[in-house]
C-alpha atoms as a PDB file:
ATOM      1  CA  MET A   1     137.021 183.943 -78.671  1.00  0.00           C
ATOM      2  CA  ALA A   2     136.819 181.638 -75.673  1.00  0.00           C
ATOM      3  CA  GLY A   3     138.319 184.375 -73.512  1.00  0.00           C
ATOM      4  CA  ILE A   4     135.567 186.768 -74.573  1.00  0.00           C
ATOM      5  CA  TRP A   5     132.851 184.280 -73.689  1.00  0.00           C
ATOM      6  CA  TRP A   6     134.511 183.615 -70.362  1.00  0.00           C
ATOM      7  CA  ALA A   7     134.641 187.347 -69.616  1.00  0.00           C
ATOM      8  CA  VAL A   8     130.947 187.665 -70.588  1.00  0.00           C
ATOM      9  CA  ALA A   9     130.039 184.779 -68.287  1.00  0.00           C
ATOM     10  CA  VAL A  10     131.956 186.315 -65.379  1.00  0.00           C
ATOM     11  CA  LEU A  11     130.299 189.673 -65.933  1.00  0.00           C
ATOM     12  CA  ALA A  12     126.845 188.055 -66.121  1.00  0.00           C
ATOM     13  CA  ALA A  13     127.481 186.127 -62.905  1.00  0.00           C
ATOM     14  CA  GLY A  14     128.692 189.278 -61.198  1.00  0.00           C
ATOM     15  CA  ALA A  15     125.641 191.226 -62.377  1.00  0.00           C
ATOM     16  CA  GLY A  16     123.358 188.466 -61.140  1.00  0.00           C
ATOM     17  CA  TRP A  17     124.998 188.403 -57.747  1.00  0.00           C
ATOM     18  CA  ALA A  18     124.778 192.199 -57.453  1.00  0.00           C
ATOM     19  CA  ALA A  19     121.076 192.145 -58.365  1.00  0.00           C
ATOM     20  CA  TRP A  20     120.391 189.391 -55.823  1.00  0.00           C
ATOM     21  CA  ARG A  21     122.255 191.300 -53.106  1.00  0.00           C
ATOM     22  CA  ALA A  22     120.375 194.487 -53.884  1.00  0.00           C
ATOM     23  CA  LEU A  23     117.079 192.631 -53.505  1.00  0.00           C
ATOM     24  CA  ARG A  24     118.195 191.066 -50.243  1.00  0.00           C
ATOM     25  CA  TYR A  25     119.336 194.404 -48.861  1.00  0.00           C
ATOM     26  CA  PRO A  26     117.098 197.036 -50.470  1.00  0.00           C
ATOM     27  CA  GLY A  27     117.787 200.751 -50.384  1.00  0.00           C
ATOM     28  CA  ALA A  28     120.713 202.679 -51.796  1.00  0.00           C
ATOM     29  CA  PRO A  29     123.622 200.596 -53.184  1.00  0.00           C
ATOM     30  CA  ALA A  30     125.768 201.601 -50.226  1.00  0.00           C
ATOM     31  CA  TYR A  31     123.476 199.706 -47.846  1.00  0.00           C
ATOM     32  CA  ALA A  32     123.904 196.539 -49.882  1.00  0.00           C
ATOM     33  CA  PHE A  33     127.645 196.770 -50.543  1.00  0.00           C
ATOM     34  CA  HIS A  34     129.508 199.256 -48.350  1.00  0.00           C
ATOM     35  CA  ARG A  35     131.406 197.866 -45.377  1.00  0.00           C
ATOM     36  CA  LYS A  36     129.996 200.669 -43.232  1.00  0.00           C
ATOM     37  CA  TYR A  37     126.705 198.733 -43.074  1.00  0.00           C
ATOM     38  CA  ARG A  38     128.242 195.295 -42.693  1.00  0.00           C
ATOM     39  CA  SER A  39     126.926 194.958 -39.132  1.00  0.00           C
ATOM     40  CA  GLU A  40     123.344 195.810 -40.158  1.00  0.00           C
ATOM     41  CA  ARG A  41     123.524 193.379 -43.063  1.00  0.00           C
ATOM     42  CA  GLY A  42     124.928 190.741 -40.705  1.00  0.00           C
ATOM     43  CA  ASN A  43     122.046 191.211 -38.251  1.00  0.00           C
ATOM     44  CA  LEU A  44     119.496 190.804 -41.025  1.00  0.00           C
ATOM     45  CA  ALA A  45     121.311 187.826 -42.542  1.00  0.00           C
ATOM     46  CA  GLY A  46     121.640 186.152 -39.126  1.00  0.00           C
ATOM     47  CA  ALA A  47     117.917 186.541 -38.388  1.00  0.00           C
ATOM     48  CA  ARG A  48     117.053 185.147 -41.797  1.00  0.00           C
ATOM     49  CA  GLY A  49     119.459 182.249 -41.378  1.00  0.00           C
ATOM     50  CA  HIS A  50     118.067 181.377 -37.959  1.00  0.00           C
ATOM     51  CA  VAL A  51     114.504 181.150 -39.309  1.00  0.00           C
ATOM     52  CA  ARG A  52     115.701 179.193 -42.329  1.00  0.00           C
ATOM     53  CA  GLY A  53     117.692 176.774 -40.171  1.00  0.00           C
ATOM     54  CA  LEU A  54     114.734 176.112 -37.852  1.00  0.00           C
ATOM     55  CA  ARG A  55     112.432 175.525 -40.801  1.00  0.00           C
ATOM     56  CA  ARG A  56     114.847 173.130 -42.459  1.00  0.00           C
ATOM     57  CA  ALA A  57     115.427 171.223 -39.225  1.00  0.00           C
ATOM     58  CA  ALA A  58     111.662 170.898 -38.738  1.00  0.00           C
ATOM     59  CA  LEU A  59     111.188 169.737 -42.328  1.00  0.00           C
ATOM     60  CA  ARG A  60     113.950 167.159 -41.995  1.00  0.00           C
ATOM     61  CA  GLU A  61     112.594 165.748 -38.742  1.00  0.00           C
ATOM     62  CA  ARG A  62     109.002 165.697 -39.953  1.00  0.00           C
ATOM     63  CA  GLY A  63     110.163 164.153 -43.230  1.00  0.00           C
ATOM     64  CA  ARG A  64     111.970 161.371 -41.382  1.00  0.00           C
ATOM     65  CA  ALA A  65     108.908 160.720 -39.220  1.00  0.00           C
ATOM     66  CA  TRP A  66     106.680 160.642 -42.306  1.00  0.00           C
ATOM     67  CA  LEU A  67     109.064 158.301 -44.139  1.00  0.00           C
ATOM     68  CA  THR A  68     109.263 155.949 -41.144  1.00  0.00           C
ATOM     69  CA  ALA A  69     105.464 155.792 -40.938  1.00  0.00           C
ATOM     70  CA  GLU A  70     105.159 155.251 -44.689  1.00  0.00           C
ATOM     71  CA  ARG A  71     107.692 152.415 -44.617  1.00  0.00           C
ATOM     72  CA  ALA A  72     105.896 150.761 -41.686  1.00  0.00           C
ATOM     73  CA  GLU A  73     102.591 150.953 -43.544  1.00  0.00           C
ATOM     74  CA  ARG A  74     104.114 149.579 -46.767  1.00  0.00           C
ATOM     75  CA  SER A  75     105.716 146.707 -44.867  1.00  0.00           C
ATOM     76  CA  TYR A  76     102.393 145.956 -43.178  1.00  0.00           C
ATOM     77  CA  ARG A  77     100.514 145.955 -46.490  1.00  0.00           C
ATOM     78  CA  ARG A  78     103.192 143.887 -48.278  1.00  0.00           C
ATOM     79  CA  ARG A  79     103.093 141.174 -45.627  1.00  0.00           C
ATOM     80  CA  ILE A  80      99.314 140.885 -45.874  1.00  0.00           C
ATOM     81  CA  ALA A  81      99.377 140.935 -49.697  1.00  0.00           C
ATOM     82  CA  ARG A  82     102.012 138.178 -49.805  1.00  0.00           C
ATOM     83  CA  VAL A  83     100.019 135.847 -47.545  1.00  0.00           C
ATOM     84  CA  GLU A  84      96.772 136.595 -49.410  1.00  0.00           C
ATOM     85  CA  ALA A  85      98.451 135.769 -52.738  1.00  0.00           C
ATOM     86  CA  GLU A  86      99.747 132.462 -51.390  1.00  0.00           C
ATOM     87  CA  LEU A  87      96.289 131.637 -50.063  1.00  0.00           C
ATOM     88  CA  ARG A  88      94.662 132.384 -53.430  1.00  0.00           C
ATOM     89  CA  GLN A  89      97.151 130.120 -55.160  1.00  0.00           C
ATOM     90  CA  LEU A  90      96.462 127.254 -52.747  1.00  0.00           C
ATOM     91  CA  ARG A  91      92.697 127.666 -52.745  1.00  0.00           C
ATOM     92  CA  THR A  92      92.387 127.843 -56.528  1.00  0.00           C
ATOM     93  CA  PRO A  93      95.196 125.704 -57.971  1.00  0.00           C
ATOM     94  CA  LYS A  94      95.575 125.602 -61.735  1.00  0.00           C
ATOM     95  CA  ARG A  95      95.248 122.349 -63.613  1.00  0.00           C
ATOM     96  CA  GLY A  96      99.022 122.088 -63.995  1.00  0.00           C
ATOM     97  CA  ARG A  97     101.013 120.535 -66.795  1.00  0.00           C
ATOM     98  CA  ARG A  98      99.566 117.891 -69.099  1.00  0.00           C
ATOM     99  CA  VAL A  99     100.649 114.370 -68.126  1.00  0.00           C
ATOM    100  CA  GLU A 100      98.845 111.901 -70.398  1.00  0.00           C
ATOM    101  CA  ARG A 101      95.886 111.502 -72.739  1.00  0.00           C
ATOM    102  CA  LEU A 102      93.563 108.741 -73.872  1.00  0.00           C
ATOM    103  CA  GLY A 103      90.895 109.796 -76.328  1.00  0.00           C
ATOM    104  CA  ARG A 104      89.049 112.781 -74.894  1.00  0.00           C
ATOM    105  CA  ILE A 105      90.344 112.133 -71.372  1.00  0.00           C
ATOM    106  CA  VAL A 106      93.367 114.324 -70.628  1.00  0.00           C
ATOM    107  CA  LEU A 107      95.221 113.879 -67.346  1.00  0.00           C
ATOM    108  CA  HIS A 108      96.843 116.985 -65.857  1.00  0.00           C
ATOM    109  CA  GLU A 109      98.726 117.392 -62.593  1.00  0.00           C
ATOM    110  CA  HIS A 110      95.696 118.637 -60.667  1.00  0.00           C
ATOM    111  CA  ALA A 111      92.712 118.037 -62.937  1.00  0.00           C
ATOM    112  CA  VAL A 112      91.200 115.804 -65.593  1.00  0.00           C
ATOM    113  CA  LEU A 113      89.677 117.150 -68.797  1.00  0.00           C
ATOM    114  CA  VAL A 114      86.934 115.228 -70.555  1.00  0.00           C
ATOM    115  CA  GLY A 115      86.386 117.241 -73.685  1.00  0.00           C
ATOM    116  CA  PRO A 116      85.413 120.733 -72.454  1.00  0.00           C
ATOM    117  CA  VAL A 117      84.579 119.507 -68.942  1.00  0.00           C
ATOM    118  CA  GLU A 118      87.192 119.879 -66.219  1.00  0.00           C
ATOM    119  CA  LEU A 119      87.089 117.592 -63.180  1.00  0.00           C
ATOM    120  CA  PRO A 120      89.191 117.925 -60.020  1.00  0.00           C
ATOM    121  CA  LEU A 121      91.679 115.102 -59.846  1.00  0.00           C
ATOM    122  CA  ALA A 122      91.610 114.676 -56.065  1.00  0.00           C
ATOM    123  CA  GLY A 123      88.890 112.253 -54.973  1.00  0.00           C
ATOM    124  CA  LEU A 124      88.104 111.126 -58.510  1.00  0.00           C
ATOM    125  CA  LYS A 125      87.010 107.457 -58.768  1.00  0.00           C
ATOM    126  CA  VAL A 126      87.854 105.497 -61.899  1.00  0.00           C
ATOM    127  CA  ARG A 127      85.872 102.450 -62.981  1.00  0.00           C
ATOM    128  CA  LEU A 128      86.361 100.343 -66.136  1.00  0.00           C
ATOM    129  CA  GLU A 129      83.737  98.068 -67.714  1.00  0.00           C
ATOM    130  CA  PRO A 130      83.897  96.125 -70.996  1.00  0.00           C
ATOM    131  CA  ALA A 131      80.838  95.818 -73.206  1.00  0.00           C
ATOM    132  CA  ARG A 132      79.340  92.349 -73.554  1.00  0.00           C
ATOM    133  CA  SER A 133      80.418  92.304 -77.140  1.00  0.00           C
ATOM    134  CA  GLY A 134      84.024  92.879 -76.098  1.00  0.00           C
ATOM    135  CA  LYS A 135      84.342  95.561 -78.757  1.00  0.00           C
ATOM    136  CA  THR A 136      83.987  98.565 -76.435  1.00  0.00           C
ATOM    137  CA  TRP A 137      85.424  99.738 -73.128  1.00  0.00           C
ATOM    138  CA  TYR A 138      83.564 102.098 -70.836  1.00  0.00           C
ATOM    139  CA  VAL A 139      85.522 104.386 -68.516  1.00  0.00           C
ATOM    140  CA  TYR A 140      83.489 105.967 -65.699  1.00  0.00           C
ATOM    141  CA  LEU A 141      84.850 108.973 -63.823  1.00  0.00           C
ATOM    142  CA  ALA A 142      82.970 109.734 -60.601  1.00  0.00           C
ATOM    143  CA  GLU A 143      83.496 112.924 -58.578  1.00  0.00           C
ATOM    144  CA  PRO A 144      83.314 112.828 -54.761  1.00  0.00           C
ATOM    145  CA  ASP A 145      79.739 114.190 -54.864  1.00  0.00           C
ATOM    146  CA  GLY A 146      78.646 111.242 -57.040  1.00  0.00           C
ATOM    147  CA  HIS A 147      78.492 113.089 -60.361  1.00  0.00           C
ATOM    148  CA  GLU A 148      79.737 110.717 -63.069  1.00  0.00           C
ATOM    149  CA  LEU A 149      80.972 110.963 -66.639  1.00  0.00           C
ATOM    150  CA  MET A 150      81.358 108.105 -69.095  1.00  0.00           C
ATOM    151  CA  GLU A 151      83.656 107.730 -72.084  1.00  0.00           C
ATOM    152  CA  ARG A 152      83.620 104.936 -74.698  1.00  0.00           C
ATOM    153  CA  PHE A 153      86.750 103.446 -76.227  1.00  0.00           C
ATOM    154  CA  SER A 154      86.806 101.107 -79.199  1.00  0.00           C
ATOM    155  CA  ALA A 155      88.726  97.953 -78.338  1.00  0.00           C
ATOM    156  CA  LYS A 156      90.057  97.999 -81.886  1.00  0.00           C
ATOM    157  CA  GLU A 157      91.658 101.447 -81.436  1.00  0.00           C
ATOM    158  CA  HIS A 158      92.470 101.086 -77.731  1.00  0.00           C
ATOM    159  CA  PRO A 159      93.471  97.590 -76.626  1.00  0.00           C
ATOM    160  CA  GLU A 160      92.473  96.342 -73.182  1.00  0.00           C
ATOM    161  CA  ASP A 161      95.970  96.745 -71.729  1.00  0.00           C
ATOM    162  CA  THR A 162      96.094 100.350 -72.895  1.00  0.00           C
ATOM    163  CA  VAL A 163      92.744 101.227 -71.348  1.00  0.00           C
ATOM    164  CA  ARG A 164      93.399  99.375 -68.095  1.00  0.00           C
ATOM    165  CA  GLY A 165      96.869 100.862 -67.796  1.00  0.00           C
ATOM    166  CA  PHE A 166      95.537 104.372 -68.320  1.00  0.00           C
ATOM    167  CA  GLY A 167      92.730 103.778 -65.837  1.00  0.00           C
ATOM    168  CA  SER A 168      95.195 102.522 -63.242  1.00  0.00           C
ATOM    169  CA  ARG A 169      97.488 105.515 -63.699  1.00  0.00           C
ATOM    170  CA  LEU A 170      94.492 107.835 -63.532  1.00  0.00           C
ATOM    171  CA  GLN A 171      93.343 106.281 -60.258  1.00  0.00           C
ATOM    172  CA  ASN A 172      96.843 106.451 -58.748  1.00  0.00           C
ATOM    173  CA  ALA A 173      97.121 110.077 -59.792  1.00  0.00           C
ATOM    174  CA  SER A 174      93.787 110.747 -58.047  1.00  0.00           C
ATOM    175  CA  VAL A 175      95.092 109.184 -54.818  1.00  0.00           C
ATOM    176  CA  LYS A 176      98.262 111.279 -54.952  1.00  0.00           C
ATOM    177  CA  ALA A 177      96.218 114.399 -55.667  1.00  0.00           C
ATOM    178  CA  GLY A 178      94.090 113.626 -52.603  1.00  0.00           C
ATOM    179  CA  ARG A 179      97.206 113.458 -50.458  1.00  0.00           C
ATOM    180  CA  ARG A 180      98.380 116.744 -51.910  1.00  0.00           C
ATOM    181  CA  LEU A 181      94.964 118.198 -51.164  1.00  0.00           C
ATOM    182  CA  ASP A 182      95.260 117.120 -47.531  1.00  0.00           C
ATOM    183  CA  ARG A 183      98.693 118.744 -47.290  1.00  0.00           C
ATOM    184  CA  ARG A 184      97.331 121.823 -49.026  1.00  0.00           C
ATOM    185  CA  GLY A 185      94.544 121.987 -46.475  1.00  0.00           C
ATOM    186  CA  GLY A 186      97.118 122.084 -43.695  1.00  0.00           C
ATOM    187  CA  ALA A 187      99.087 124.737 -45.542  1.00  0.00           C
ATOM    188  CA  ILE A 188      95.915 126.774 -46.032  1.00  0.00           C
ATOM    189  CA  ARG A 189      95.126 126.612 -42.322  1.00  0.00           C
ATOM    190  CA  ARG A 190      98.671 127.715 -41.476  1.00  0.00           C
ATOM    191  CA  LEU A 191      98.470 130.597 -43.934  1.00  0.00           C
ATOM    192  CA  GLU A 192      95.065 131.633 -42.603  1.00  0.00           C
ATOM    193  CA  ALA A 193      96.582 131.809 -39.119  1.00  0.00           C
ATOM    194  CA  GLU A 194      99.534 133.779 -40.499  1.00  0.00           C
ATOM    195  CA  LEU A 195      97.169 136.169 -42.273  1.00  0.00           C
ATOM    196  CA  LEU A 196      95.334 136.806 -39.022  1.00  0.00           C
ATOM    197  CA  ARG A 197      98.632 137.508 -37.273  1.00  0.00           C
ATOM    198  CA  ALA A 198      99.718 139.803 -40.116  1.00  0.00           C
ATOM    199  CA  ARG A 199      96.485 141.792 -39.953  1.00  0.00           C
ATOM    200  CA  ASN A 200      96.752 142.106 -36.188  1.00  0.00           C
ATOM    201  CA  ALA A 201     100.425 143.178 -36.287  1.00  0.00           C
ATOM    202  CA  THR A 202      99.556 146.874 -36.320  1.00  0.00           C
ATOM    203  CA  GLY A 203     101.923 147.817 -33.480  1.00  0.00           C
ATOM    204  CA  PRO A 204     104.789 149.151 -35.633  1.00  0.00           C
ATOM    205  CA  VAL A 205     102.371 151.078 -37.872  1.00  0.00           C
ATOM    206  CA  GLU A 206     100.537 152.639 -34.930  1.00  0.00           C
ATOM    207  CA  ALA A 207     103.811 153.541 -33.216  1.00  0.00           C
ATOM    208  CA  ALA A 208     105.168 155.171 -36.392  1.00  0.00           C
ATOM    209  CA  ARG A 209     101.933 157.094 -36.916  1.00  0.00           C
ATOM    210  CA  ALA A 210     101.960 158.277 -33.299  1.00  0.00           C
ATOM    211  CA  ALA A 211     105.588 159.397 -33.657  1.00  0.00           C
ATOM    212  CA  ARG A 212     104.714 161.260 -36.855  1.00  0.00           C
ATOM    213  CA  GLU A 213     101.819 163.056 -35.176  1.00  0.00           C
ATOM    214  CA  GLU A 214     103.938 163.847 -32.082  1.00  0.00           C
ATOM    215  CA  THR A 215     106.622 165.342 -34.303  1.00  0.00           C
ATOM    216  CA  ARG A 216     104.077 167.447 -36.168  1.00  0.00           C
ATOM    217  CA  LEU A 217     102.496 168.803 -33.005  1.00  0.00           C
ATOM    218  CA  ARG A 218     105.850 169.442 -31.347  1.00  0.00           C
ATOM    219  CA  HIS A 219     107.076 171.541 -34.257  1.00  0.00           C
ATOM    220  CA  GLU A 220     103.770 173.366 -34.551  1.00  0.00           C
ATOM    221  CA  ASN A 221     103.785 174.270 -30.844  1.00  0.00           C
ATOM    222  CA  ARG A 222     107.471 174.862 -30.192  1.00  0.00           C
ATOM    223  CA  PRO A 223     108.273 178.518 -29.405  1.00  0.00           C
ATOM    224  CA  GLU A 224     111.640 178.717 -31.170  1.00  0.00           C
ATOM    225  CA  LEU A 225     110.300 179.363 -34.655  1.00  0.00           C
ATOM    226  CA  PRO A 226     107.780 182.090 -33.650  1.00  0.00           C
ATOM    227  CA  LYS A 227     110.546 183.776 -31.648  1.00  0.00           C
ATOM    228  CA  ALA A 228     112.933 183.568 -34.596  1.00  0.00           C
ATOM    229  CA  ARG A 229     110.261 184.989 -36.911  1.00  0.00           C
ATOM    230  CA  ALA A 230     109.641 187.841 -34.464  1.00  0.00           C
ATOM    231  CA  ALA A 231     113.378 188.538 -34.324  1.00  0.00           C
ATOM    232  CA  LEU A 232     113.474 188.568 -38.130  1.00  0.00           C
ATOM    233  CA  GLU A 233     110.622 191.082 -38.232  1.00  0.00           C
ATOM    234  CA  ASP A 234     112.528 193.245 -35.749  1.00  0.00           C
ATOM    235  CA  ALA A 235     115.607 193.061 -37.979  1.00  0.00           C
ATOM    236  CA  LYS A 236     113.490 194.064 -40.964  1.00  0.00           C
ATOM    237  CA  ASP A 237     112.035 196.959 -38.963  1.00  0.00           C
ATOM    238  CA  THR A 238     115.544 198.123 -38.104  1.00  0.00           C
ATOM    239  CA  TRP A 239     116.622 197.907 -41.734  1.00  0.00           C
ATOM    240  CA  GLN A 240     113.537 199.771 -42.873  1.00  0.00           C
ATOM    241  CA  GLY A 241     114.206 202.481 -40.310  1.00  0.00           C
ATOM    242  CA  LEU A 242     117.756 202.790 -41.653  1.00  0.00           C
ATOM    243  CA  THR A 243     117.073 202.663 -45.395  1.00  0.00           C
ATOM    244  CA  GLY A 244     113.400 203.462 -45.829  1.00  0.00           C
ATOM    245  CA  ARG A 245     112.915 200.143 -47.620  1.00  0.00           C
ATOM    246  CA  ARG A 246     111.572 196.944 -46.016  1.00  0.00           C
ATOM    247  CA  PRO A 247     113.344 193.724 -46.932  1.00  0.00           C
ATOM    248  CA  ARG A 248     111.401 190.701 -48.017  1.00  0.00           C
END
């Protein structure tokens, strides 16, 4: 059974090849298969191959020029996008991980939450005052612009040492955050300068685009392909004069 299928496959392949050859070399079967017309078939095949080879060479070269320009543009855009992302992260830092909490005051790495209100940690001033009765502690949190929030703590629930210790740690965290902010400012300035350099670094992109355009124009204006096409038309004319049928 396998032998039959193999024989059928061989016959089908042979029939396909014969049909293809007849289309390539139209006319009577002798023109497509007989050795008498081998030279004429060779002339037609050579003219076709020359045109095909020139087209493929042009496509390869133009494809390489296009790919080089595309890679240069992607590299240019990636560099700018990377610096812009780093700048966004530095300019709008998240509050960071939670460090400590006292009542409604929650200390994070870069911010302080007082209930639903979020305050920047850098530059925050912390002031503690006991009530005259001694039963309440007041914690004042003042932003650099003078805006101030106040929280009350019952001395019964939050002893003096607890409140003072928290206030001290909160103030120290604010000082450290201010130092980080200063360093971040320097980093932002450096990244801004790098972003400007990245945006101005258009030389490789412009060179790749110019090379792509030069390649396109050179292949559009080069005489080899029109000459090869003309030679192919001549070969088709010759074949048509021989067989009465014009090849595709």
